[in-house]
Amino acid sequence: MTVLDLRALATAVFGSGANARTELTSWDAAIRGGLSTTRRVGVVSLSPGAGTSTVAHQLVRAVAARRSEPVLAVDVSSGAPGLAERLGAGSVPPDDTRASARTTAEALSGLEVRDGVVALRPRDADDAVGAWLGEAAPIARFFDVSVTDFGARHPLVDLAACAALCDVVCLVGDARRSPAEHARSVMDAIAGLPESPSVVLTLVDHAREGDGVARALATGSDHPVVAVPFDAGLAAGGDARRSATQLAVVQLAAALVAAGGSAARARAATGRTA
């Protein structure tokens, strides 16, 4: 993925406003900036078809294009195609070297670095939490940023358990009012978990109705809300074709990297590895 020309993108979306270019530059810097500890980003939705794997894929590519070290992309989703398939990676069996890794080279055992991304799809991902703890937890500390595609998770089953593994949760929902409000209704519960993950709500405009609902939910919200416009390129499983979509992905990536700081520092202070 080519790093976006921020000046050209700002002009295409906003016109020539200096403030818009400043905002874009700020988002780009947030993604590129040094991190005091690792960032574990989990992408999850409340129902299938919300766009979880698509959002995770775009996030991984946006972050990898802006950071010098590889991004770990973990796929424990049950949907198809998931994040790993979108990255052109297959499932891998357990590896004793990875499981007891003490160096980055050991963490990469049996895995491939491709375009700044290391994709990990556990062979047995039926138990998302167990798969993550068994396969991703031993190596995540060797990557500045990891992005996990958890797919759709039910609030009464395993949503909390998946969220507890993350420094920041990217909760993906449909931008229409009813599903968007449903997603919003669980945000405080996620943030209130003992692990205190941050939460960013991402609303995808599948119905092409605009970002009105997202703007309404963002008003007075304690959590960031990012609208991702409909994009025929993403709908077809490919690249974004609209400047507005590219802009939204940069904004979202910056929000997630920044929002995960407090939870990551708390995890580091307590010595928690999972």
C-alpha atoms as a PDB file:
ATOM      1  CA  MET A   1       0.000   0.000   0.000  1.00  0.00           C
ATOM      2  CA  THR A   2       1.410   3.379  -0.961  1.00  0.00           C
ATOM      3  CA  VAL A   3       1.474   6.055   1.717  1.00  0.00           C
ATOM      4  CA  LEU A   4      -1.123   8.658   0.862  1.00  0.00           C
ATOM      5  CA  ASP A   5      -0.114  12.141  -0.284  1.00  0.00           C
ATOM      6  CA  LEU A   6      -1.772  13.949   2.596  1.00  0.00           C
ATOM      7  CA  ARG A   7      -1.737  17.352   0.933  1.00  0.00           C
ATOM      8  CA  ALA A   8      -3.411  15.981  -2.205  1.00  0.00           C
ATOM      9  CA  LEU A   9      -5.934  14.009  -0.174  1.00  0.00           C
ATOM     10  CA  ALA A  10      -6.855  17.008   1.967  1.00  0.00           C
ATOM     11  CA  THR A  11      -7.361  19.108  -1.132  1.00  0.00           C
ATOM     12  CA  ALA A  12      -9.521  16.433  -2.772  1.00  0.00           C
ATOM     13  CA  VAL A  13     -11.754  15.999   0.262  1.00  0.00           C
ATOM     14  CA  PHE A  14     -11.794  19.391   1.940  1.00  0.00           C
ATOM     15  CA  GLY A  15     -10.578  21.824  -0.668  1.00  0.00           C
ATOM     16  CA  SER A  16      -7.469  23.819   0.164  1.00  0.00           C
ATOM     17  CA  GLY A  17      -8.154  24.418   3.865  1.00  0.00           C
ATOM     18  CA  ALA A  18      -4.970  24.560   5.923  1.00  0.00           C
ATOM     19  CA  ASN A  19      -6.804  23.275   9.002  1.00  0.00           C
ATOM     20  CA  ALA A  20      -7.825  20.111   7.172  1.00  0.00           C
ATOM     21  CA  ARG A  21      -4.253  19.443   6.085  1.00  0.00           C
ATOM     22  CA  THR A  22      -3.114  20.016   9.656  1.00  0.00           C
ATOM     23  CA  GLU A  23      -5.604  17.445  10.911  1.00  0.00           C
ATOM     24  CA  LEU A  24      -4.475  14.907   8.342  1.00  0.00           C
ATOM     25  CA  THR A  25      -0.846  15.495   9.202  1.00  0.00           C
ATOM     26  CA  SER A  26      -1.684  15.003  12.873  1.00  0.00           C
ATOM     27  CA  TRP A  27      -3.386  11.670  12.176  1.00  0.00           C
ATOM     28  CA  ASP A  28      -0.467  10.503  10.084  1.00  0.00           C
ATOM     29  CA  ALA A  29       1.987  11.467  12.824  1.00  0.00           C
ATOM     30  CA  ALA A  30      -0.065   9.610  15.435  1.00  0.00           C
ATOM     31  CA  ILE A  31       0.238   6.389  13.439  1.00  0.00           C
ATOM     32  CA  ARG A  32       3.948   6.855  12.765  1.00  0.00           C
ATOM     33  CA  GLY A  33       4.908   8.023  16.250  1.00  0.00           C
ATOM     34  CA  GLY A  34       6.930   6.183  18.847  1.00  0.00           C
ATOM     35  CA  LEU A  35       4.996   4.005  21.287  1.00  0.00           C
ATOM     36  CA  SER A  36       5.839   3.557  24.954  1.00  0.00           C
ATOM     37  CA  THR A  37       4.597  -0.021  24.765  1.00  0.00           C
ATOM     38  CA  THR A  38       2.833  -2.317  22.322  1.00  0.00           C
ATOM     39  CA  ARG A  39      -0.673  -1.659  20.990  1.00  0.00           C
ATOM     40  CA  ARG A  40      -3.099  -4.565  20.772  1.00  0.00           C
ATOM     41  CA  VAL A  41      -6.035  -3.575  18.587  1.00  0.00           C
ATOM     42  CA  GLY A  42      -9.050  -5.871  18.401  1.00  0.00           C
ATOM     43  CA  VAL A  43     -11.613  -5.464  15.619  1.00  0.00           C
ATOM     44  CA  VAL A  44     -15.002  -6.953  16.484  1.00  0.00           C
ATOM     45  CA  SER A  45     -18.681  -6.600  15.604  1.00  0.00           C
ATOM     46  CA  LEU A  46     -21.973  -7.666  17.131  1.00  0.00           C
ATOM     47  CA  SER A  47     -23.334  -9.337  14.001  1.00  0.00           C
ATOM     48  CA  PRO A  48     -22.001 -10.889  10.781  1.00  0.00           C
ATOM     49  CA  GLY A  49     -21.736  -8.678   7.721  1.00  0.00           C
ATOM     50  CA  ALA A  50     -20.846  -5.487   9.565  1.00  0.00           C
ATOM     51  CA  GLY A  51     -17.490  -5.262   7.789  1.00  0.00           C
ATOM     52  CA  THR A  52     -15.139  -6.424  10.537  1.00  0.00           C
ATOM     53  CA  SER A  53     -12.601  -8.171   8.310  1.00  0.00           C
ATOM     54  CA  THR A  54     -12.695  -5.360   5.754  1.00  0.00           C
ATOM     55  CA  VAL A  55     -11.999  -2.750   8.431  1.00  0.00           C
ATOM     56  CA  ALA A  56      -9.244  -4.896   9.979  1.00  0.00           C
ATOM     57  CA  HIS A  57      -7.630  -5.344   6.568  1.00  0.00           C
ATOM     58  CA  GLN A  58      -7.638  -1.627   5.829  1.00  0.00           C
ATOM     59  CA  LEU A  59      -6.265  -0.829   9.289  1.00  0.00           C
ATOM     60  CA  VAL A  60      -3.410  -3.291   8.956  1.00  0.00           C
ATOM     61  CA  ARG A  61      -2.403  -1.876   5.589  1.00  0.00           C
ATOM     62  CA  ALA A  62      -2.665   1.739   6.767  1.00  0.00           C
ATOM     63  CA  VAL A  63      -0.534   1.133   9.852  1.00  0.00           C
ATOM     64  CA  ALA A  64       2.017  -1.057   8.046  1.00  0.00           C
ATOM     65  CA  ALA A  65       2.501   1.623   5.387  1.00  0.00           C
ATOM     66  CA  ARG A  66       3.446   4.154   8.068  1.00  0.00           C
ATOM     67  CA  ARG A  67       5.602   2.218  10.506  1.00  0.00           C
ATOM     68  CA  SER A  68       9.074   0.809  10.016  1.00  0.00           C
ATOM     69  CA  GLU A  69       8.486  -2.406  11.970  1.00  0.00           C
ATOM     70  CA  PRO A  70       6.074  -5.157  10.833  1.00  0.00           C
ATOM     71  CA  VAL A  71       2.480  -5.222  12.038  1.00  0.00           C
ATOM     72  CA  LEU A  72       1.105  -8.475  13.437  1.00  0.00           C
ATOM     73  CA  ALA A  73      -2.257  -9.344  11.853  1.00  0.00           C
ATOM     74  CA  VAL A  74      -4.115 -12.063  13.759  1.00  0.00           C
ATOM     75  CA  ASP A  75      -7.225 -13.732  12.369  1.00  0.00           C
ATOM     76  CA  VAL A  76      -9.441 -15.686  14.777  1.00  0.00           C
ATOM     77  CA  SER A  77     -12.680 -14.793  13.005  1.00  0.00           C
ATOM     78  CA  SER A  78     -15.202 -17.397  11.939  1.00  0.00           C
ATOM     79  CA  GLY A  79     -16.270 -15.592   8.779  1.00  0.00           C
ATOM     80  CA  ALA A  80     -14.916 -15.922   5.258  1.00  0.00           C
ATOM     81  CA  PRO A  81     -12.986 -14.286   3.862  1.00  0.00           C
ATOM     82  CA  GLY A  82     -11.319 -13.213   7.094  1.00  0.00           C
ATOM     83  CA  LEU A  83      -8.296 -11.019   7.601  1.00  0.00           C
ATOM     84  CA  ALA A  84      -5.722 -13.695   6.811  1.00  0.00           C
ATOM     85  CA  GLU A  85      -7.342 -14.623   3.521  1.00  0.00           C
ATOM     86  CA  ARG A  86      -7.515 -10.969   2.518  1.00  0.00           C
ATOM     87  CA  LEU A  87      -3.789 -10.758   3.184  1.00  0.00           C
ATOM     88  CA  GLY A  88      -3.144 -13.867   1.120  1.00  0.00           C
ATOM     89  CA  ALA A  89      -2.125 -15.995   4.105  1.00  0.00           C
ATOM     90  CA  GLY A  90      -3.257 -19.470   5.073  1.00  0.00           C
ATOM     91  CA  SER A  91      -3.649 -21.060   8.489  1.00  0.00           C
ATOM     92  CA  VAL A  92      -0.553 -22.285  10.329  1.00  0.00           C
ATOM     93  CA  PRO A  93      -0.104 -25.093  12.854  1.00  0.00           C
ATOM     94  CA  PRO A  94       1.174 -24.474  16.380  1.00  0.00           C
ATOM     95  CA  ASP A  95       4.907 -23.925  16.602  1.00  0.00           C
ATOM     96  CA  ASP A  96       6.993 -24.696  19.706  1.00  0.00           C
ATOM     97  CA  THR A  97       9.531 -22.006  18.835  1.00  0.00           C
ATOM     98  CA  ARG A  98       6.842 -19.325  18.617  1.00  0.00           C
ATOM     99  CA  ALA A  99       5.182 -20.579  21.776  1.00  0.00           C
ATOM    100  CA  SER A 100       8.357 -19.999  23.804  1.00  0.00           C
ATOM    101  CA  ALA A 101       9.767 -17.105  21.770  1.00  0.00           C
ATOM    102  CA  ARG A 102      12.439 -14.983  23.415  1.00  0.00           C
ATOM    103  CA  THR A 103      13.480 -13.042  20.303  1.00  0.00           C
ATOM    104  CA  THR A 104      11.773 -11.524  17.307  1.00  0.00           C
ATOM    105  CA  ALA A 105      13.354 -14.140  15.068  1.00  0.00           C
ATOM    106  CA  GLU A 106      11.790 -16.892  17.175  1.00  0.00           C
ATOM    107  CA  ALA A 107       8.432 -15.094  17.146  1.00  0.00           C
ATOM    108  CA  LEU A 108       8.543 -15.195  13.344  1.00  0.00           C
ATOM    109  CA  SER A 109       9.153 -18.948  13.191  1.00  0.00           C
ATOM    110  CA  GLY A 110       6.915 -20.425  10.498  1.00  0.00           C
ATOM    111  CA  LEU A 111       5.504 -17.004   9.585  1.00  0.00           C
ATOM    112  CA  GLU A 112       6.222 -14.663   6.687  1.00  0.00           C
ATOM    113  CA  VAL A 113       6.752 -10.911   6.582  1.00  0.00           C
ATOM    114  CA  ARG A 114       4.948  -9.591   3.522  1.00  0.00           C
ATOM    115  CA  ASP A 115       4.592  -5.856   2.761  1.00  0.00           C
ATOM    116  CA  GLY A 116       5.300  -5.010   6.379  1.00  0.00           C
ATOM    117  CA  VAL A 117       2.677  -7.447   7.723  1.00  0.00           C
ATOM    118  CA  VAL A 118       2.999 -10.756   9.563  1.00  0.00           C
ATOM    119  CA  ALA A 119      -0.259 -12.682   9.234  1.00  0.00           C
ATOM    120  CA  LEU A 120      -1.188 -15.331  11.804  1.00  0.00           C
ATOM    121  CA  ARG A 121      -4.228 -17.537  11.318  1.00  0.00           C
ATOM    122  CA  PRO A 122      -4.234 -20.339  13.919  1.00  0.00           C
ATOM    123  CA  ARG A 123      -5.165 -23.683  12.430  1.00  0.00           C
ATOM    124  CA  ASP A 124      -7.810 -24.192  15.114  1.00  0.00           C
ATOM    125  CA  ALA A 125      -9.624 -20.886  15.621  1.00  0.00           C
ATOM    126  CA  ASP A 126     -13.015 -22.250  16.704  1.00  0.00           C
ATOM    127  CA  ASP A 127     -12.266 -20.977  20.205  1.00  0.00           C
ATOM    128  CA  ALA A 128     -11.207 -17.416  19.424  1.00  0.00           C
ATOM    129  CA  VAL A 129      -9.996 -16.588  22.925  1.00  0.00           C
ATOM    130  CA  GLY A 130      -8.124 -19.873  23.320  1.00  0.00           C
ATOM    131  CA  ALA A 131      -6.560 -19.522  19.884  1.00  0.00           C
ATOM    132  CA  TRP A 132      -5.428 -15.976  20.620  1.00  0.00           C
ATOM    133  CA  LEU A 133      -3.966 -16.893  24.001  1.00  0.00           C
ATOM    134  CA  GLY A 134      -2.233 -19.955  22.621  1.00  0.00           C
ATOM    135  CA  GLU A 135      -0.898 -18.513  19.362  1.00  0.00           C
ATOM    136  CA  ALA A 136      -0.864 -14.705  19.459  1.00  0.00           C
ATOM    137  CA  ALA A 137      -0.153 -13.905  23.106  1.00  0.00           C
ATOM    138  CA  PRO A 138       3.352 -15.461  23.119  1.00  0.00           C
ATOM    139  CA  ILE A 139       4.520 -13.297  20.203  1.00  0.00           C
ATOM    140  CA  ALA A 140       2.460 -10.079  20.316  1.00  0.00           C
ATOM    141  CA  ARG A 141       5.022  -8.359  22.545  1.00  0.00           C
ATOM    142  CA  PHE A 142       7.544  -8.488  19.707  1.00  0.00           C
ATOM    143  CA  PHE A 143       5.381  -6.204  17.546  1.00  0.00           C
ATOM    144  CA  ASP A 144       4.707  -2.523  18.189  1.00  0.00           C
ATOM    145  CA  VAL A 145       1.177  -2.898  16.805  1.00  0.00           C
ATOM    146  CA  SER A 146      -1.006  -5.971  16.434  1.00  0.00           C
ATOM    147  CA  VAL A 147      -4.464  -6.026  14.867  1.00  0.00           C
ATOM    148  CA  THR A 148      -6.790  -8.957  15.538  1.00  0.00           C
ATOM    149  CA  ASP A 149      -9.883  -9.782  13.508  1.00  0.00           C
ATOM    150  CA  PHE A 150     -12.268 -11.333  16.045  1.00  0.00           C
ATOM    151  CA  GLY A 151     -15.240 -11.303  13.664  1.00  0.00           C
ATOM    152  CA  ALA A 152     -18.757 -11.195  15.098  1.00  0.00           C
ATOM    153  CA  ARG A 153     -19.082 -11.867  18.838  1.00  0.00           C
ATOM    154  CA  HIS A 154     -22.207 -11.972  21.003  1.00  0.00           C
ATOM    155  CA  PRO A 155     -22.350  -9.684  24.072  1.00  0.00           C
ATOM    156  CA  LEU A 156     -23.689 -12.548  26.210  1.00  0.00           C
ATOM    157  CA  VAL A 157     -21.180 -15.149  24.999  1.00  0.00           C
ATOM    158  CA  ASP A 158     -17.615 -14.081  24.255  1.00  0.00           C
ATOM    159  CA  LEU A 159     -17.513 -10.393  23.353  1.00  0.00           C
ATOM    160  CA  ALA A 160     -16.151  -9.418  26.773  1.00  0.00           C
ATOM    161  CA  ALA A 161     -13.545 -12.184  26.724  1.00  0.00           C
ATOM    162  CA  CYS A 162     -12.272 -11.052  23.316  1.00  0.00           C
ATOM    163  CA  ALA A 163     -12.276  -7.385  24.306  1.00  0.00           C
ATOM    164  CA  ALA A 164     -10.296  -8.155  27.462  1.00  0.00           C
ATOM    165  CA  LEU A 165      -7.364  -9.277  25.300  1.00  0.00           C
ATOM    166  CA  CYS A 166      -7.044  -5.827  23.713  1.00  0.00           C
ATOM    167  CA  ASP A 167      -5.678  -2.432  24.621  1.00  0.00           C
ATOM    168  CA  VAL A 168      -8.234  -0.852  22.302  1.00  0.00           C
ATOM    169  CA  VAL A 169     -11.380  -2.318  20.757  1.00  0.00           C
ATOM    170  CA  CYS A 170     -12.520  -1.226  17.307  1.00  0.00           C
ATOM    171  CA  LEU A 171     -16.247  -1.974  17.495  1.00  0.00           C
ATOM    172  CA  VAL A 172     -17.607  -2.148  13.940  1.00  0.00           C
ATOM    173  CA  GLY A 173     -21.283  -1.578  13.212  1.00  0.00           C
ATOM    174  CA  ASP A 174     -23.648  -0.746  10.389  1.00  0.00           C
ATOM    175  CA  ALA A 175     -24.169   3.014  10.121  1.00  0.00           C
ATOM    176  CA  ARG A 176     -27.963   2.746  10.102  1.00  0.00           C
ATOM    177  CA  ARG A 177     -29.567   3.969  13.304  1.00  0.00           C
ATOM    178  CA  SER A 178     -30.767   0.699  14.860  1.00  0.00           C
ATOM    179  CA  PRO A 179     -27.542  -1.347  14.532  1.00  0.00           C
ATOM    180  CA  ALA A 180     -25.451   1.738  15.322  1.00  0.00           C
ATOM    181  CA  GLU A 181     -27.343   2.330  18.557  1.00  0.00           C
ATOM    182  CA  HIS A 182     -27.037  -1.355  19.392  1.00  0.00           C
ATOM    183  CA  ALA A 183     -23.271  -1.085  19.038  1.00  0.00           C
ATOM    184  CA  ARG A 184     -23.179   2.090  21.093  1.00  0.00           C
ATOM    185  CA  SER A 185     -25.126   0.378  23.875  1.00  0.00           C
ATOM    186  CA  VAL A 186     -22.245  -2.011  24.648  1.00  0.00           C
ATOM    187  CA  MET A 187     -19.375   0.491  24.490  1.00  0.00           C
ATOM    188  CA  ASP A 188     -19.467   1.490  28.150  1.00  0.00           C
ATOM    189  CA  ALA A 189     -19.623  -2.159  29.211  1.00  0.00           C
ATOM    190  CA  ILE A 190     -16.495  -2.923  27.178  1.00  0.00           C
ATOM    191  CA  ALA A 191     -14.639   0.093  28.563  1.00  0.00           C
ATOM    192  CA  GLY A 192     -15.725  -0.925  32.073  1.00  0.00           C
ATOM    193  CA  LEU A 193     -14.054  -4.324  31.945  1.00  0.00           C
ATOM    194  CA  PRO A 194     -11.326  -4.880  34.571  1.00  0.00           C
ATOM    195  CA  GLU A 195      -8.718  -4.672  31.791  1.00  0.00           C
ATOM    196  CA  SER A 196     -10.062  -1.194  30.866  1.00  0.00           C
ATOM    197  CA  PRO A 197      -9.706  -1.370  27.090  1.00  0.00           C
ATOM    198  CA  SER A 198     -10.371   1.810  25.156  1.00  0.00           C
ATOM    199  CA  VAL A 199     -13.209   1.672  22.609  1.00  0.00           C
ATOM    200  CA  VAL A 200     -13.577   3.293  19.192  1.00  0.00           C
ATOM    201  CA  LEU A 201     -16.906   2.908  17.382  1.00  0.00           C
ATOM    202  CA  THR A 202     -16.589   2.468  13.613  1.00  0.00           C
ATOM    203  CA  LEU A 203     -19.789   2.826  11.594  1.00  0.00           C
ATOM    204  CA  VAL A 204     -19.730   1.539   8.017  1.00  0.00           C
ATOM    205  CA  ASP A 205     -22.239   3.112   5.615  1.00  0.00           C
ATOM    206  CA  HIS A 206     -23.408  -0.047   3.849  1.00  0.00           C
ATOM    207  CA  ALA A 207     -26.779   1.524   2.990  1.00  0.00           C
ATOM    208  CA  ARG A 208     -25.238   4.678   1.469  1.00  0.00           C
ATOM    209  CA  GLU A 209     -27.209   6.896   3.821  1.00  0.00           C
ATOM    210  CA  GLY A 210     -24.350   9.177   4.812  1.00  0.00           C
ATOM    211  CA  ASP A 211     -22.708   9.878   8.160  1.00  0.00           C
ATOM    212  CA  GLY A 212     -25.611  11.564   9.930  1.00  0.00           C
ATOM    213  CA  VAL A 213     -26.057   8.787  12.491  1.00  0.00           C
ATOM    214  CA  ALA A 214     -22.332   8.667  13.206  1.00  0.00           C
ATOM    215  CA  ARG A 215     -22.212  12.422  13.775  1.00  0.00           C
ATOM    216  CA  ALA A 216     -25.228  12.229  16.079  1.00  0.00           C
ATOM    217  CA  LEU A 217     -23.710   9.421  18.160  1.00  0.00           C
ATOM    218  CA  ALA A 218     -20.379  11.226  18.360  1.00  0.00           C
ATOM    219  CA  THR A 219     -22.011  14.245  20.003  1.00  0.00           C
ATOM    220  CA  GLY A 220     -21.299  14.025  23.708  1.00  0.00           C
ATOM    221  CA  SER A 221     -19.783  10.550  23.420  1.00  0.00           C
ATOM    222  CA  ASP A 222     -16.954   9.524  25.745  1.00  0.00           C
ATOM    223  CA  HIS A 223     -15.565   7.359  22.957  1.00  0.00           C
ATOM    224  CA  PRO A 224     -14.402   8.256  19.442  1.00  0.00           C
ATOM    225  CA  VAL A 225     -16.842   7.552  16.619  1.00  0.00           C
ATOM    226  CA  VAL A 226     -15.504   7.234  13.061  1.00  0.00           C
ATOM    227  CA  ALA A 227     -17.708   6.986   9.966  1.00  0.00           C
ATOM    228  CA  VAL A 228     -16.492   4.900   7.034  1.00  0.00           C
ATOM    229  CA  PRO A 229     -18.360   5.805   3.823  1.00  0.00           C
ATOM    230  CA  PHE A 230     -19.660   3.261   1.360  1.00  0.00           C
ATOM    231  CA  ASP A 231     -16.949   2.364  -1.116  1.00  0.00           C
ATOM    232  CA  ALA A 232     -17.457   0.045  -4.071  1.00  0.00           C
ATOM    233  CA  GLY A 233     -13.807  -0.983  -3.892  1.00  0.00           C
ATOM    234  CA  LEU A 234     -14.107  -2.223  -0.320  1.00  0.00           C
ATOM    235  CA  ALA A 235     -17.455  -3.837  -1.036  1.00  0.00           C
ATOM    236  CA  ALA A 236     -15.736  -5.886  -3.749  1.00  0.00           C
ATOM    237  CA  GLY A 237     -12.980  -6.920  -1.353  1.00  0.00           C
ATOM    238  CA  GLY A 238     -10.339  -4.677  -2.904  1.00  0.00           C
ATOM    239  CA  ASP A 239      -8.840  -1.228  -2.393  1.00  0.00           C
ATOM    240  CA  ALA A 240     -10.709   1.921  -1.490  1.00  0.00           C
ATOM    241  CA  ARG A 241     -11.674   3.945  -4.540  1.00  0.00           C
ATOM    242  CA  ARG A 242     -12.807   7.114  -2.772  1.00  0.00           C
ATOM    243  CA  SER A 243     -10.604   9.725  -1.147  1.00  0.00           C
ATOM    244  CA  ALA A 244     -13.153  10.033   1.662  1.00  0.00           C
ATOM    245  CA  THR A 245     -12.727   6.350   2.478  1.00  0.00           C
ATOM    246  CA  GLN A 246      -8.951   6.619   2.518  1.00  0.00           C
ATOM    247  CA  LEU A 247      -9.281   9.605   4.813  1.00  0.00           C
ATOM    248  CA  ALA A 248     -11.588   7.709   7.173  1.00  0.00           C
ATOM    249  CA  VAL A 249      -9.138   4.803   7.407  1.00  0.00           C
ATOM    250  CA  VAL A 250      -6.276   7.159   8.323  1.00  0.00           C
ATOM    251  CA  GLN A 251      -8.475   8.841  10.932  1.00  0.00           C
ATOM    252  CA  LEU A 252      -9.530   5.489  12.367  1.00  0.00           C
ATOM    253  CA  ALA A 253      -6.000   4.103  12.499  1.00  0.00           C
ATOM    254  CA  ALA A 254      -4.803   7.216  14.317  1.00  0.00           C
ATOM    255  CA  ALA A 255      -7.684   7.049  16.803  1.00  0.00           C
ATOM    256  CA  LEU A 256      -6.972   3.400  17.595  1.00  0.00           C
ATOM    257  CA  VAL A 257      -3.224   3.804  18.029  1.00  0.00           C
ATOM    258  CA  ALA A 258      -3.735   6.840  20.266  1.00  0.00           C
ATOM    259  CA  ALA A 259      -6.650   5.411  22.260  1.00  0.00           C
ATOM    260  CA  GLY A 260      -4.801   2.235  23.208  1.00  0.00           C
ATOM    261  CA  GLY A 261      -2.122   4.042  25.167  1.00  0.00           C
ATOM    262  CA  SER A 262      -3.623   4.044  28.661  1.00  0.00           C
ATOM    263  CA  ALA A 263      -4.635   0.376  28.601  1.00  0.00           C
ATOM    264  CA  ALA A 264      -1.253  -0.646  27.191  1.00  0.00           C
ATOM    265  CA  ARG A 265       0.591   1.261  29.912  1.00  0.00           C
ATOM    266  CA  ALA A 266      -1.598  -0.334  32.580  1.00  0.00           C
ATOM    267  CA  ARG A 267      -0.876  -3.792  31.171  1.00  0.00           C
ATOM    268  CA  ALA A 268       2.849  -3.070  31.114  1.00  0.00           C
ATOM    269  CA  ALA A 269       2.791  -1.754  34.688  1.00  0.00           C
ATOM    270  CA  THR A 270       1.125  -4.912  35.996  1.00  0.00           C
ATOM    271  CA  GLY A 271       3.254  -7.249  33.916  1.00  0.00           C
ATOM    272  CA  ARG A 272       0.145  -8.673  32.216  1.00  0.00           C
ATOM    273  CA  THR A 273       0.983 -10.448  28.962  1.00  0.00           C
ATOM    274  CA  ALA A 274      -2.552 -11.347  27.881  1.00  0.00           C
END
